[in-house]
PDB file of N, CA and C in Angstrom:
ATOM      1  N   MET A   1     120.807  77.890 125.132  1.00  0.00           N
ATOM      2  CA  MET A   1     121.322  79.273 125.318  1.00  0.00           C
ATOM      3  C   MET A   1     121.776  79.907 123.943  1.00  0.00           C
ATOM      4  N   ASN A   2     122.277  79.139 123.123  1.00  0.00           N
ATOM      5  CA  ASN A   2     122.794  79.707 121.860  1.00  0.00           C
ATOM      6  C   ASN A   2     121.676  80.355 121.056  1.00  0.00           C
ATOM      7  N   ILE A   3     120.521  79.702 121.030  1.00  0.00           N
ATOM      8  CA  ILE A   3     119.324  80.222 120.293  1.00  0.00           C
ATOM      9  C   ILE A   3     118.856  81.623 120.825  1.00  0.00           C
ATOM     10  N   TRP A   4     118.910  81.740 122.132  1.00  0.00           N
ATOM     11  CA  TRP A   4     118.554  83.105 122.731  1.00  0.00           C
ATOM     12  C   TRP A   4     119.655  84.153 122.362  1.00  0.00           C
ATOM     13  N   LEU A   5     120.854  83.771 122.296  1.00  0.00           N
ATOM     14  CA  LEU A   5     122.000  84.614 121.872  1.00  0.00           C
ATOM     15  C   LEU A   5     121.778  85.115 120.439  1.00  0.00           C
ATOM     16  N   VAL A   6     121.495  84.174 119.572  1.00  0.00           N
ATOM     17  CA  VAL A   6     121.369  84.465 118.163  1.00  0.00           C
ATOM     18  C   VAL A   6     120.117  85.327 118.014  1.00  0.00           C
ATOM     19  N   MET A   7     119.017  85.120 118.705  1.00  0.00           N
ATOM     20  CA  MET A   7     117.815  85.945 118.602  1.00  0.00           C
ATOM     21  C   MET A   7     118.090  87.306 119.147  1.00  0.00           C
ATOM     22  N   LEU A   8     118.786  87.491 120.277  1.00  0.00           N
ATOM     23  CA  LEU A   8     119.114  88.812 120.725  1.00  0.00           C
ATOM     24  C   LEU A   8     119.975  89.589 119.808  1.00  0.00           C
ATOM     25  N   ILE A   9     121.036  88.970 119.302  1.00  0.00           N
ATOM     26  CA  ILE A   9     121.910  89.674 118.361  1.00  0.00           C
ATOM     27  C   ILE A   9     121.220  90.064 117.061  1.00  0.00           C
ATOM     28  N   GLY A  10     120.445  89.135 116.558  1.00  0.00           N
ATOM     29  CA  GLY A  10     119.627  89.393 115.317  1.00  0.00           C
ATOM     30  C   GLY A  10     118.641  90.561 115.564  1.00  0.00           C
ATOM     31  N   GLY A  11     118.024  90.572 116.597  1.00  0.00           N
ATOM     32  CA  GLY A  11     117.030  91.725 117.028  1.00  0.00           C
ATOM     33  C   GLY A  11     117.786  93.024 117.160  1.00  0.00           C
ATOM     34  N   LEU A  12     118.977  92.941 117.842  1.00  0.00           N
ATOM     35  CA  LEU A  12     119.691  94.226 118.017  1.00  0.00           C
ATOM     36  C   LEU A  12     120.207  94.786 116.619  1.00  0.00           C
ATOM     37  N   LEU A  13     120.645  93.768 115.760  1.00  0.00           N
ATOM     38  CA  LEU A  13     121.234  94.279 114.470  1.00  0.00           C
ATOM     39  C   LEU A  13     120.016  94.796 113.659  1.00  0.00           C
ATOM     40  N   THR A  14     118.927  94.208 113.628  1.00  0.00           N
ATOM     41  CA  THR A  14     117.713  94.705 112.910  1.00  0.00           C
ATOM     42  C   THR A  14     117.359  96.058 113.496  1.00  0.00           C
ATOM     43  N   PHE A  15     117.269  96.256 114.716  1.00  0.00           N
ATOM     44  CA  PHE A  15     116.943  97.495 115.331  1.00  0.00           C
ATOM     45  C   PHE A  15     117.993  98.542 114.905  1.00  0.00           C
ATOM     46  N   ALA A  16     119.272  98.277 115.004  1.00  0.00           N
ATOM     47  CA  ALA A  16     120.287  99.270 114.686  1.00  0.00           C
ATOM     48  C   ALA A  16     120.203  99.678 113.184  1.00  0.00           C
ATOM     49  N   MET A  17     119.891  98.655 112.244  1.00  0.00           N
ATOM     50  CA  MET A  17     119.862  99.111 110.911  1.00  0.00           C
ATOM     51  C   MET A  17     118.674 100.036 110.706  1.00  0.00           C
ATOM     52  N   ARG A  18     117.497  99.760 111.236  1.00  0.00           N
ATOM     53  CA  ARG A  18     116.334 100.572 111.086  1.00  0.00           C
ATOM     54  C   ARG A  18     116.446 101.979 111.718  1.00  0.00           C
ATOM     55  N   LEU A  19     117.109 101.894 112.933  1.00  0.00           N
ATOM     56  CA  LEU A  19     117.276 103.247 113.639  1.00  0.00           C
ATOM     57  C   LEU A  19     118.231 104.013 112.876  1.00  0.00           C
ATOM     58  N   SER A  20     119.249 103.442 112.149  1.00  0.00           N
ATOM     59  CA  SER A  20     120.299 104.289 111.478  1.00  0.00           C
ATOM     60  C   SER A  20     119.553 105.012 110.333  1.00  0.00           C
ATOM     61  N   PHE A  21     118.722 104.385 109.624  1.00  0.00           N
ATOM     62  CA  PHE A  21     117.890 105.050 108.525  1.00  0.00           C
ATOM     63  C   PHE A  21     117.050 106.157 109.067  1.00  0.00           C
ATOM     64  N   ILE A  22     116.377 105.957 110.147  1.00  0.00           N
ATOM     65  CA  ILE A  22     115.644 107.081 110.750  1.00  0.00           C
ATOM     66  C   ILE A  22     116.422 108.141 111.192  1.00  0.00           C
ATOM     67  N   TYR A  23     117.561 107.848 111.835  1.00  0.00           N
ATOM     68  CA  TYR A  23     118.539 108.842 112.336  1.00  0.00           C
ATOM     69  C   TYR A  23     119.116 109.605 111.229  1.00  0.00           C
ATOM     70  N   LEU A  24     119.468 109.029 110.146  1.00  0.00           N
ATOM     71  CA  LEU A  24     120.226 109.632 109.122  1.00  0.00           C
ATOM     72  C   LEU A  24     119.302 110.335 108.109  1.00  0.00           C
ATOM     73  N   TYR A  25     118.043 110.092 108.189  1.00  0.00           N
ATOM     74  CA  TYR A  25     116.943 110.611 107.215  1.00  0.00           C
ATOM     75  C   TYR A  25     116.989 112.202 107.260  1.00  0.00           C
ATOM     76  N   GLY A  26     117.002 112.747 108.338  1.00  0.00           N
ATOM     77  CA  GLY A  26     117.063 114.272 108.430  1.00  0.00           C
ATOM     78  C   GLY A  26     118.433 114.828 108.107  1.00  0.00           C
ATOM     79  N   ARG A  27     119.483 114.136 108.114  1.00  0.00           N
ATOM     80  CA  ARG A  27     120.835 114.547 107.862  1.00  0.00           C
ATOM     81  C   ARG A  27     121.200 114.800 106.448  1.00  0.00           C
ATOM     82  N   PHE A  28     120.561 114.054 105.553  1.00  0.00           N
ATOM     83  CA  PHE A  28     120.985 114.068 104.098  1.00  0.00           C
ATOM     84  C   PHE A  28     119.806 114.514 103.296  1.00  0.00           C
ATOM     85  N   GLU A  29     120.067 115.190 102.159  1.00  0.00           N
ATOM     86  CA  GLU A  29     118.982 115.631 101.217  1.00  0.00           C
ATOM     87  C   GLU A  29     118.874 114.504 100.208  1.00  0.00           C
ATOM     88  N   ILE A  30     117.713 113.956 100.069  1.00  0.00           N
ATOM     89  CA  ILE A  30     117.485 112.915  99.088  1.00  0.00           C
ATOM     90  C   ILE A  30     117.094 113.607  97.739  1.00  0.00           C
ATOM     91  N   PRO A  31     117.675 113.186  96.708  1.00  0.00           N
ATOM     92  CA  PRO A  31     117.376 113.891  95.418  1.00  0.00           C
ATOM     93  C   PRO A  31     115.977 113.614  95.022  1.00  0.00           C
ATOM     94  N   GLY A  32     115.399 114.497  94.287  1.00  0.00           N
ATOM     95  CA  GLY A  32     114.042 114.337  93.768  1.00  0.00           C
ATOM     96  C   GLY A  32     113.790 113.116  92.968  1.00  0.00           C
ATOM     97  N   THR A  33     114.786 112.733  92.049  1.00  0.00           N
ATOM     98  CA  THR A  33     114.622 111.526  91.277  1.00  0.00           C
ATOM     99  C   THR A  33     114.527 110.277  92.149  1.00  0.00           C
ATOM    100  N   MET A  34     115.390 110.194  93.180  1.00  0.00           N
ATOM    101  CA  MET A  34     115.334 109.062  94.087  1.00  0.00           C
ATOM    102  C   MET A  34     114.060 109.039  94.895  1.00  0.00           C
ATOM    103  N   ARG A  35     113.607 110.234  95.295  1.00  0.00           N
ATOM    104  CA  ARG A  35     112.390 110.219  96.086  1.00  0.00           C
ATOM    105  C   ARG A  35     111.133 109.826  95.226  1.00  0.00           C
ATOM    106  N   ARG A  36     111.130 110.097  94.031  1.00  0.00           N
ATOM    107  CA  ARG A  36     110.096 109.667  93.064  1.00  0.00           C
ATOM    108  C   ARG A  36     110.200 108.255  92.874  1.00  0.00           C
ATOM    109  N   ALA A  37     111.332 107.724  92.692  1.00  0.00           N
ATOM    110  CA  ALA A  37     111.566 106.184  92.507  1.00  0.00           C
ATOM    111  C   ALA A  37     111.117 105.491  93.677  1.00  0.00           C
ATOM    112  N   LEU A  38     111.482 105.928  94.853  1.00  0.00           N
ATOM    113  CA  LEU A  38     111.152 105.182  96.115  1.00  0.00           C
ATOM    114  C   LEU A  38     109.632 105.089  96.377  1.00  0.00           C
ATOM    115  N   ARG A  39     108.832 105.942  95.658  1.00  0.00           N
ATOM    116  CA  ARG A  39     107.359 105.826  95.799  1.00  0.00           C
ATOM    117  C   ARG A  39     106.775 104.536  95.191  1.00  0.00           C
ATOM    118  N   PHE A  40     107.606 103.943  94.296  1.00  0.00           N
ATOM    119  CA  PHE A  40     107.103 102.717  93.597  1.00  0.00           C
ATOM    120  C   PHE A  40     107.571 101.510  94.250  1.00  0.00           C
ATOM    121  N   VAL A  41     108.436 101.512  95.335  1.00  0.00           N
ATOM    122  CA  VAL A  41     108.933 100.414  95.908  1.00  0.00           C
ATOM    123  C   VAL A  41     107.798  99.598  96.652  1.00  0.00           C
ATOM    124  N   PRO A  42     106.946 100.169  97.508  1.00  0.00           N
ATOM    125  CA  PRO A  42     105.875  99.382  98.045  1.00  0.00           C
ATOM    126  C   PRO A  42     104.961  98.676  97.122  1.00  0.00           C
ATOM    127  N   PRO A  43     104.411  99.219  96.070  1.00  0.00           N
ATOM    128  CA  PRO A  43     103.655  98.525  95.134  1.00  0.00           C
ATOM    129  C   PRO A  43     104.395  97.411  94.389  1.00  0.00           C
ATOM    130  N   ALA A  44     105.704  97.596  94.141  1.00  0.00           N
ATOM    131  CA  ALA A  44     106.465  96.550  93.481  1.00  0.00           C
ATOM    132  C   ALA A  44     106.646  95.368  94.313  1.00  0.00           C
ATOM    133  N   VAL A  45     106.984  95.627  95.579  1.00  0.00           N
ATOM    134  CA  VAL A  45     107.121  94.562  96.586  1.00  0.00           C
ATOM    135  C   VAL A  45     105.925  93.770  96.770  1.00  0.00           C
ATOM    136  N   LEU A  46     104.817  94.415  96.959  1.00  0.00           N
ATOM    137  CA  LEU A  46     103.420  93.887  97.175  1.00  0.00           C
ATOM    138  C   LEU A  46     103.085  92.946  95.954  1.00  0.00           C
ATOM    139  N   SER A  47     103.316  93.472  94.789  1.00  0.00           N
ATOM    140  CA  SER A  47     103.021  92.678  93.573  1.00  0.00           C
ATOM    141  C   SER A  47     103.908  91.479  93.440  1.00  0.00           C
ATOM    142  N   ALA A  48     105.213  91.556  93.905  1.00  0.00           N
ATOM    143  CA  ALA A  48     106.079  90.370  93.795  1.00  0.00           C
ATOM    144  C   ALA A  48     105.627  89.366  94.758  1.00  0.00           C
ATOM    145  N   ILE A  49     104.989  89.719  95.882  1.00  0.00           N
ATOM    146  CA  ILE A  49     104.446  88.804  96.842  1.00  0.00           C
ATOM    147  C   ILE A  49     103.231  88.206  96.465  1.00  0.00           C
ATOM    148  N   ILE A  50     102.297  88.975  95.957  1.00  0.00           N
ATOM    149  CA  ILE A  50     101.026  88.611  95.682  1.00  0.00           C
ATOM    150  C   ILE A  50     100.754  87.814  94.348  1.00  0.00           C
ATOM    151  N   PHE A  51     101.352  88.308  93.233  1.00  0.00           N
ATOM    152  CA  PHE A  51     101.023  87.704  92.006  1.00  0.00           C
ATOM    153  C   PHE A  51     101.474  86.242  91.785  1.00  0.00           C
ATOM    154  N   PRO A  52     102.607  85.842  92.341  1.00  0.00           N
ATOM    155  CA  PRO A  52     102.977  84.487  92.254  1.00  0.00           C
ATOM    156  C   PRO A  52     101.975  83.512  92.986  1.00  0.00           C
ATOM    157  N   GLU A  53     101.445  84.098  94.119  1.00  0.00           N
ATOM    158  CA  GLU A  53     100.480  83.284  94.936  1.00  0.00           C
ATOM    159  C   GLU A  53      99.123  83.158  94.107  1.00  0.00           C
ATOM    160  N   LEU A  54      98.889  84.105  93.276  1.00  0.00           N
ATOM    161  CA  LEU A  54      97.615  84.074  92.525  1.00  0.00           C
ATOM    162  C   LEU A  54      97.720  83.206  91.291  1.00  0.00           C
ATOM    163  N   TRP A  55      98.843  83.238  90.664  1.00  0.00           N
ATOM    164  CA  TRP A  55      99.055  82.693  89.296  1.00  0.00           C
ATOM    165  C   TRP A  55      99.664  81.286  89.314  1.00  0.00           C
ATOM    166  N   MET A  56     100.279  81.007  90.419  1.00  0.00           N
ATOM    167  CA  MET A  56     100.986  79.692  90.405  1.00  0.00           C
ATOM    168  C   MET A  56     100.272  78.701  91.406  1.00  0.00           C
ATOM    169  N   ARG A  57     100.239  77.451  90.879  1.00  0.00           N
ATOM    170  CA  ARG A  57      99.683  76.437  91.753  1.00  0.00           C
ATOM    171  C   ARG A  57     100.591  75.196  91.514  1.00  0.00           C
ATOM    172  N   ASP A  58     101.123  74.659  92.611  1.00  0.00           N
ATOM    173  CA  ASP A  58     102.070  73.486  92.564  1.00  0.00           C
ATOM    174  C   ASP A  58     103.206  73.820  91.668  1.00  0.00           C
ATOM    175  N   GLY A  59     103.762  75.029  91.734  1.00  0.00           N
ATOM    176  CA  GLY A  59     104.857  75.414  90.918  1.00  0.00           C
ATOM    177  C   GLY A  59     104.708  75.552  89.472  1.00  0.00           C
ATOM    178  N   LEU A  60     103.430  75.473  88.986  1.00  0.00           N
ATOM    179  CA  LEU A  60     103.157  75.640  87.548  1.00  0.00           C
ATOM    180  C   LEU A  60     102.240  76.878  87.392  1.00  0.00           C
ATOM    181  N   LEU A  61     102.288  77.547  86.206  1.00  0.00           N
ATOM    182  CA  LEU A  61     101.383  78.609  85.906  1.00  0.00           C
ATOM    183  C   LEU A  61      99.981  78.097  85.700  1.00  0.00           C
ATOM    184  N   ASP A  62      99.029  78.661  86.469  1.00  0.00           N
ATOM    185  CA  ASP A  62      97.576  78.157  86.397  1.00  0.00           C
ATOM    186  C   ASP A  62      96.799  79.280  86.104  1.00  0.00           C
ATOM    187  N   LEU A  63      96.281  79.548  84.948  1.00  0.00           N
ATOM    188  CA  LEU A  63      95.377  80.649  84.620  1.00  0.00           C
ATOM    189  C   LEU A  63      93.939  80.182  84.230  1.00  0.00           C
ATOM    190  N   THR A  64      93.629  78.997  84.760  1.00  0.00           N
ATOM    191  CA  THR A  64      92.304  78.354  84.508  1.00  0.00           C
ATOM    192  C   THR A  64      91.227  78.866  85.481  1.00  0.00           C
ATOM    193  N   LEU A  65      89.963  78.565  85.235  1.00  0.00           N
ATOM    194  CA  LEU A  65      88.958  78.904  86.171  1.00  0.00           C
ATOM    195  C   LEU A  65      88.893  77.954  87.352  1.00  0.00           C
ATOM    196  N   GLY A  66      89.772  76.929  87.402  1.00  0.00           N
ATOM    197  CA  GLY A  66      89.858  76.034  88.508  1.00  0.00           C
ATOM    198  C   GLY A  66      90.748  76.666  89.586  1.00  0.00           C
ATOM    199  N   ASN A  67      91.481  77.709  89.261  1.00  0.00           N
ATOM    200  CA  ASN A  67      92.334  78.350  90.359  1.00  0.00           C
ATOM    201  C   ASN A  67      91.527  79.233  91.225  1.00  0.00           C
ATOM    202  N   ASP A  68      91.283  78.834  92.341  1.00  0.00           N
ATOM    203  CA  ASP A  68      90.446  79.583  93.329  1.00  0.00           C
ATOM    204  C   ASP A  68      91.074  80.874  93.735  1.00  0.00           C
ATOM    205  N   ARG A  69      92.372  80.764  93.839  1.00  0.00           N
ATOM    206  CA  ARG A  69      93.100  82.137  94.292  1.00  0.00           C
ATOM    207  C   ARG A  69      92.952  83.154  93.231  1.00  0.00           C
ATOM    208  N   LEU A  70      93.174  82.681  91.963  1.00  0.00           N
ATOM    209  CA  LEU A  70      93.072  83.653  90.901  1.00  0.00           C
ATOM    210  C   LEU A  70      91.685  84.340  90.786  1.00  0.00           C
ATOM    211  N   LEU A  71      90.663  83.546  90.981  1.00  0.00           N
ATOM    212  CA  LEU A  71      89.344  84.007  90.922  1.00  0.00           C
ATOM    213  C   LEU A  71      89.037  84.990  92.066  1.00  0.00           C
ATOM    214  N   ALA A  72      89.493  84.586  93.329  1.00  0.00           N
ATOM    215  CA  ALA A  72      89.360  85.468  94.440  1.00  0.00           C
ATOM    216  C   ALA A  72      90.165  86.726  94.264  1.00  0.00           C
ATOM    217  N   GLY A  73      91.358  86.609  93.728  1.00  0.00           N
ATOM    218  CA  GLY A  73      92.166  87.818  93.390  1.00  0.00           C
ATOM    219  C   GLY A  73      91.442  88.830  92.446  1.00  0.00           C
ATOM    220  N   ALA A  74      90.744  88.177  91.391  1.00  0.00           N
ATOM    221  CA  ALA A  74      89.963  88.969  90.470  1.00  0.00           C
ATOM    222  C   ALA A  74      88.828  89.715  91.210  1.00  0.00           C
ATOM    223  N   ALA A  75      88.127  89.003  92.100  1.00  0.00           N
ATOM    224  CA  ALA A  75      87.033  89.582  92.857  1.00  0.00           C
ATOM    225  C   ALA A  75      87.510  90.770  93.670  1.00  0.00           C
ATOM    226  N   ALA A  76      88.804  90.481  94.362  1.00  0.00           N
ATOM    227  CA  ALA A  76      89.321  91.628  95.147  1.00  0.00           C
ATOM    228  C   ALA A  76      89.793  92.761  94.363  1.00  0.00           C
ATOM    229  N   GLY A  77      90.351  92.481  93.146  1.00  0.00           N
ATOM    230  CA  GLY A  77      90.667  93.590  92.200  1.00  0.00           C
ATOM    231  C   GLY A  77      89.468  94.375  91.792  1.00  0.00           C
ATOM    232  N   LEU A  78      88.444  93.703  91.448  1.00  0.00           N
ATOM    233  CA  LEU A  78      87.216  94.428  91.014  1.00  0.00           C
ATOM    234  C   LEU A  78      86.677  95.286  92.186  1.00  0.00           C
ATOM    235  N   THR A  79      86.712  94.701  93.335  1.00  0.00           N
ATOM    236  CA  THR A  79      86.182  95.481  94.607  1.00  0.00           C
ATOM    237  C   THR A  79      87.061  96.696  94.826  1.00  0.00           C
ATOM    238  N   ALA A  80      88.375  96.540  94.693  1.00  0.00           N
ATOM    239  CA  ALA A  80      89.288  97.658  94.825  1.00  0.00           C
ATOM    240  C   ALA A  80      89.004  98.740  93.799  1.00  0.00           C
ATOM    241  N   TRP A  81      88.776  98.342  92.541  1.00  0.00           N
ATOM    242  CA  TRP A  81      88.599  99.251  91.510  1.00  0.00           C
ATOM    243  C   TRP A  81      87.244 100.184  91.770  1.00  0.00           C
ATOM    244  N   PHE A  82      86.180  99.402  92.199  1.00  0.00           N
ATOM    245  CA  PHE A  82      85.000 100.114  92.303  1.00  0.00           C
ATOM    246  C   PHE A  82      84.847 100.895  93.669  1.00  0.00           C
ATOM    247  N   THR A  83      85.319 100.364  94.768  1.00  0.00           N
ATOM    248  CA  THR A  83      85.087 100.938  96.017  1.00  0.00           C
ATOM    249  C   THR A  83      86.260 101.790  96.558  1.00  0.00           C
ATOM    250  N   LYS A  84      87.428 101.584  96.082  1.00  0.00           N
ATOM    251  CA  LYS A  84      88.651 102.302  96.612  1.00  0.00           C
ATOM    252  C   LYS A  84      88.837 102.134  98.112  1.00  0.00           C
ATOM    253  N   ASN A  85      88.273 100.971  98.644  1.00  0.00           N
ATOM    254  CA  ASN A  85      88.308 100.728 100.121  1.00  0.00           C
ATOM    255  C   ASN A  85      89.118  99.458 100.338  1.00  0.00           C
ATOM    256  N   ILE A  86      90.206  99.678 101.153  1.00  0.00           N
ATOM    257  CA  ILE A  86      91.110  98.618 101.456  1.00  0.00           C
ATOM    258  C   ILE A  86      90.414  97.452 102.234  1.00  0.00           C
ATOM    259  N   LEU A  87      89.736  97.833 103.247  1.00  0.00           N
ATOM    260  CA  LEU A  87      89.076  96.810 104.082  1.00  0.00           C
ATOM    261  C   LEU A  87      88.082  96.030 103.251  1.00  0.00           C
ATOM    262  N   LEU A  88      87.192  96.628 102.471  1.00  0.00           N
ATOM    263  CA  LEU A  88      86.251  95.989 101.648  1.00  0.00           C
ATOM    264  C   LEU A  88      86.980  95.072 100.626  1.00  0.00           C
ATOM    265  N   THR A  89      88.119  95.559 100.110  1.00  0.00           N
ATOM    266  CA  THR A  89      88.850  94.750  99.167  1.00  0.00           C
ATOM    267  C   THR A  89      89.365  93.376  99.788  1.00  0.00           C
ATOM    268  N   ILE A  90      89.887  93.501 100.996  1.00  0.00           N
ATOM    269  CA  ILE A  90      90.381  92.358 101.728  1.00  0.00           C
ATOM    270  C   ILE A  90      89.206  91.467 102.050  1.00  0.00           C
ATOM    271  N   LEU A  91      88.167  91.971 102.557  1.00  0.00           N
ATOM    272  CA  LEU A  91      86.994  91.209 102.870  1.00  0.00           C
ATOM    273  C   LEU A  91      86.386  90.485 101.613  1.00  0.00           C
ATOM    274  N   ALA A  92      86.308  91.131 100.480  1.00  0.00           N
ATOM    275  CA  ALA A  92      85.812  90.571  99.297  1.00  0.00           C
ATOM    276  C   ALA A  92      86.709  89.436  98.856  1.00  0.00           C
ATOM    277  N   GLY A  93      88.046  89.654  98.899  1.00  0.00           N
ATOM    278  CA  GLY A  93      88.874  88.630  98.405  1.00  0.00           C
ATOM    279  C   GLY A  93      88.970  87.405  99.231  1.00  0.00           C
ATOM    280  N   MET A  94      88.999  87.621 100.603  1.00  0.00           N
ATOM    281  CA  MET A  94      88.963  86.493 101.505  1.00  0.00           C
ATOM    282  C   MET A  94      87.515  85.830 101.468  1.00  0.00           C
ATOM    283  N   GLY A  95      86.510  86.531 101.403  1.00  0.00           N
ATOM    284  CA  GLY A  95      85.201  85.887 101.395  1.00  0.00           C
ATOM    285  C   GLY A  95      85.026  85.130 100.008  1.00  0.00           C
ATOM    286  N   ALA A  96      85.482  85.680  98.948  1.00  0.00           N
ATOM    287  CA  ALA A  96      85.414  84.894  97.646  1.00  0.00           C
ATOM    288  C   ALA A  96      86.245  83.615  97.730  1.00  0.00           C
ATOM    289  N   LEU A  97      87.469  83.688  98.264  1.00  0.00           N
ATOM    290  CA  LEU A  97      88.273  82.510  98.419  1.00  0.00           C
ATOM    291  C   LEU A  97      87.644  81.467  99.254  1.00  0.00           C
ATOM    292  N   LEU A  98      87.048  81.915 100.320  1.00  0.00           N
ATOM    293  CA  LEU A  98      86.400  80.936 101.279  1.00  0.00           C
ATOM    294  C   LEU A  98      85.259  80.320 100.545  1.00  0.00           C
ATOM    295  N   LEU A  99      84.423  81.077  99.882  1.00  0.00           N
ATOM    296  CA  LEU A  99      83.232  80.476  99.169  1.00  0.00           C
ATOM    297  C   LEU A  99      83.661  79.486  98.003  1.00  0.00           C
ATOM    298  N   LEU A 100      84.681  79.895  97.312  1.00  0.00           N
ATOM    299  CA  LEU A 100      85.252  79.078  96.266  1.00  0.00           C
ATOM    300  C   LEU A 100      85.760  77.744  96.769  1.00  0.00           C
ATOM    301  N   GLN A 101      86.545  77.844  97.832  1.00  0.00           N
ATOM    302  CA  GLN A 101      87.083  76.563  98.467  1.00  0.00           C
ATOM    303  C   GLN A 101      86.006  75.744  99.117  1.00  0.00           C
ATOM    304  N   PHE A 102      84.992  76.377  99.722  1.00  0.00           N
ATOM    305  CA  PHE A 102      83.922  75.608 100.262  1.00  0.00           C
ATOM    306  C   PHE A 102      82.989  74.943  99.247  1.00  0.00           C
ATOM    307  N   ALA A 103      82.858  75.537  98.094  1.00  0.00           N
ATOM    308  CA  ALA A 103      82.001  75.019  97.014  1.00  0.00           C
ATOM    309  C   ALA A 103      82.668  73.817  96.338  1.00  0.00           C
ATOM    310  N   ARG A 104      83.979  73.627  96.507  1.00  0.00           N
ATOM    311  CA  ARG A 104      84.638  72.512  95.817  1.00  0.00           C
ATOM    312  C   ARG A 104      84.618  71.288  96.728  1.00  0.00           C
TER     313      ARG A 104
END
């Protein structure tokens, strides 16, 4: 019973926090500097999640050609650069990773 109570309270708190930002968004004027700075938050968070996964293996920096994730990330990066298509980028990266892991 305790786990259900914790899940319910956690869900309600998360909902309340998100709803408060949505509700308050129209009530306050966000300064232009803050608005410009907030545009960089999603790429920064995405980079913080992705780059350690590409560059680190077993807790150590691995920039060798034996790092399948790094090679697949490079393939995805090149695909993104040339096509500007998110779906093709994801498919190219995942396909390259599967091929590299299958080849080993």
